[in-house]
Amino acid sequence: MSQTRIQITGQRPRLSAVMPNYNHGRFLSRSIGALLAQSIQPDEIIVVDDASSDNSLEILDALARRHPHLKVVRSERNRGVLPTVNRGIQVSTGDLIFFPSADDEVRPGFIEASMKLWARRPDAALSCTASEWCDEASGLRWMMAADMAAQPEYLSPRDLVRLGRQRKLLIVAHSAIFRREPMATSGQFIEDLRWHSDWFLCYSAAFRHGILYHPEPFSQVNMHATSYYGGRDALEHERVLLRILEYLSSPAYADIAGLVRDSAILGVFGSDIVKLLKRQPEHRLFLTPWLRLIALRRRIELTGKKILPTPLKRLVLAVLYGGK
């Protein structure tokens, strides 16, 4: 049965979807099609193409001719994901901004469910949902952020601290819709934070204003060889983690540093963050027993993914996240 498609109008906040693209032409019909199939569509879909060399622009131009609220912004040279996303933010006009990936997709009802939450609590930093992650190479599938609450609700900064200590706090950026003002205050996507720029944006905004959460898996993240979160140089990753600590210790983030510490959310970076904190006396306040515990869990998870056969990997993911 086809869904009735509704444009966001009236008192509803204006919603922009900003999608960066580089040589993901083979995924565009699926990812943009998922937005166009929503019962409530974004007011505008802005795709910023980062000088793709495949058939991306041909596909995008064809889609834009059929859908006037789809806008294509072209870069003359390749700049990378983060400058491309930040350019899309500058072009966008929405009160709320969503950042779908060209190689991922949202599921039916995502925007409608999110907008119902925003109607209840318009002062939150962002809304997010549970998400299903799919590894194309192994065929593994697992749930992320599925148990922060049993029903759709607002979670305050103190709620986030509690969830962090329970190892349940996880904001999946692929399902996050941001309110523009707190996103700007948190620095948008800080380019020197590289792969963790979305992580930092999510949590720095969330610990200031709280979040809206829906427990249904309204997004699907597809992990593959060309994903942005692919291989990382160990020394560069350490440099990025140190920059995160420096930002959190700066006056600009003094209002949330204690909440980040108490939540132990930095433990998601596993043994890398523990080793770094041991060598950085000025940041050692973040090295709490809670962080060590969460980092240990992360280390077990990552080790299991590397050495276990696929059936046992499925078991580990099922225990930790609800894998398939």
Foldseek 3Di string as FASTA:
>chain_A
DAAAEAEDDDPQWAEEEEEEDAQLQVQQCVAVVQQVRENYHHQAYEYEYQPHPDCNVVVQVVVCVVPVRYHYHYDPHHDDDQVSRVVSVVVDDTQKYAYAYSNKHFHYPLVVVQSVLCVVPVQAFKEFEKAWEAEPVLRKIFIALQVLDPAWDWAALVSLLVCLLVVNDDGDSNSIMGRPVLLVLQPPQDPLLQPCSSVSSVVLRCNVGTYIYGNDHRIYHYDDCPDSPDDDDLVSNLVSLVVSLVVCPDPSNVVCNVSCLSSLNVLLVAPSNVVSLVVPVVRVSSVDPSSNVSSVLNVVLVVCVPPPPSVVNQVSSCVSTNMD
